[in-house]
Amino acid sequence: MRIEKVEQVAALIITAGLVLGNFVMFTPWRNDQDPRNHQAPPLQSQSERP
């Protein structure tokens, strides 16, 4: 295997690890807080403003 191919495979593995680590550390689901269950307050219509 040529060194360039080894570097490409290593970069791919490192990038995948960083993406997975970012997902695991910063996803809201890790604290059982599903953002889909969050009830957003109703938006005020434009007609209610002066």
C-alpha atoms as a PDB file:
ATOM      1  CA  MET A   1       0.000   0.000   0.000  1.00  0.00           C
ATOM      2  CA  ARG A   2       1.410   3.388  -0.930  1.00  0.00           C
ATOM      3  CA  ILE A   3       1.930   5.976   1.794  1.00  0.00           C
ATOM      4  CA  GLU A   4      -0.616   8.332   0.188  1.00  0.00           C
ATOM      5  CA  LYS A   5      -3.308   5.675   0.479  1.00  0.00           C
ATOM      6  CA  VAL A   6      -2.380   5.056   4.120  1.00  0.00           C
ATOM      7  CA  GLU A   7      -2.643   8.792   4.820  1.00  0.00           C
ATOM      8  CA  GLN A   8      -6.061   8.946   3.160  1.00  0.00           C
ATOM      9  CA  VAL A   9      -7.363   5.998   5.166  1.00  0.00           C
ATOM     10  CA  ALA A  10      -5.981   7.474   8.395  1.00  0.00           C
ATOM     11  CA  ALA A  11      -7.577  10.852   7.638  1.00  0.00           C
ATOM     12  CA  LEU A  12     -10.907   9.172   6.930  1.00  0.00           C
ATOM     13  CA  ILE A  13     -10.806   7.220  10.203  1.00  0.00           C
ATOM     14  CA  ILE A  14      -9.826  10.304  12.209  1.00  0.00           C
ATOM     15  CA  THR A  15     -12.551  12.411  10.588  1.00  0.00           C
ATOM     16  CA  ALA A  16     -15.184   9.756  11.243  1.00  0.00           C
ATOM     17  CA  GLY A  17     -14.046   9.555  14.864  1.00  0.00           C
ATOM     18  CA  LEU A  18     -14.287  13.307  15.299  1.00  0.00           C
ATOM     19  CA  VAL A  19     -17.764  13.423  13.777  1.00  0.00           C
ATOM     20  CA  LEU A  20     -18.957  10.554  15.954  1.00  0.00           C
ATOM     21  CA  GLY A  21     -17.422  12.120  19.066  1.00  0.00           C
ATOM     22  CA  ASN A  22     -19.076  15.442  18.304  1.00  0.00           C
ATOM     23  CA  PHE A  23     -22.439  13.735  17.840  1.00  0.00           C
ATOM     24  CA  VAL A  24     -22.154  11.738  21.074  1.00  0.00           C
ATOM     25  CA  MET A  25     -20.969  14.677  23.188  1.00  0.00           C
ATOM     26  CA  PHE A  26     -23.270  17.389  21.915  1.00  0.00           C
ATOM     27  CA  THR A  27     -26.515  15.718  20.886  1.00  0.00           C
ATOM     28  CA  PRO A  28     -29.486  16.698  23.077  1.00  0.00           C
ATOM     29  CA  TRP A  29     -30.643  13.084  23.250  1.00  0.00           C
ATOM     30  CA  ARG A  30     -27.782  12.090  25.548  1.00  0.00           C
ATOM     31  CA  ASN A  31     -29.647  13.764  28.455  1.00  0.00           C
ATOM     32  CA  ASP A  32     -33.033  12.305  27.472  1.00  0.00           C
ATOM     33  CA  GLN A  33     -34.072  15.719  26.157  1.00  0.00           C
ATOM     34  CA  ASP A  34     -35.658  15.057  22.800  1.00  0.00           C
ATOM     35  CA  PRO A  35     -36.079  18.436  21.074  1.00  0.00           C
ATOM     36  CA  ARG A  36     -39.072  17.079  19.169  1.00  0.00           C
ATOM     37  CA  ASN A  37     -41.001  16.907  22.466  1.00  0.00           C
ATOM     38  CA  HIS A  38     -40.345  20.579  23.255  1.00  0.00           C
ATOM     39  CA  GLN A  39     -43.503  22.644  22.903  1.00  0.00           C
ATOM     40  CA  ALA A  40     -42.715  25.967  21.254  1.00  0.00           C
ATOM     41  CA  PRO A  41     -44.764  28.934  22.442  1.00  0.00           C
ATOM     42  CA  PRO A  42     -47.362  30.065  19.910  1.00  0.00           C
ATOM     43  CA  LEU A  43     -46.188  32.852  17.654  1.00  0.00           C
ATOM     44  CA  GLN A  44     -47.987  36.171  17.877  1.00  0.00           C
ATOM     45  CA  SER A  45     -49.676  37.252  14.710  1.00  0.00           C
ATOM     46  CA  GLN A  46     -48.761  40.530  13.033  1.00  0.00           C
ATOM     47  CA  SER A  47     -52.297  41.914  13.529  1.00  0.00           C
ATOM     48  CA  GLU A  48     -51.855  42.063  17.319  1.00  0.00           C
ATOM     49  CA  ARG A  49     -48.984  44.522  17.076  1.00  0.00           C
ATOM     50  CA  PRO A  50     -49.748  48.278  17.105  1.00  0.00           C
END
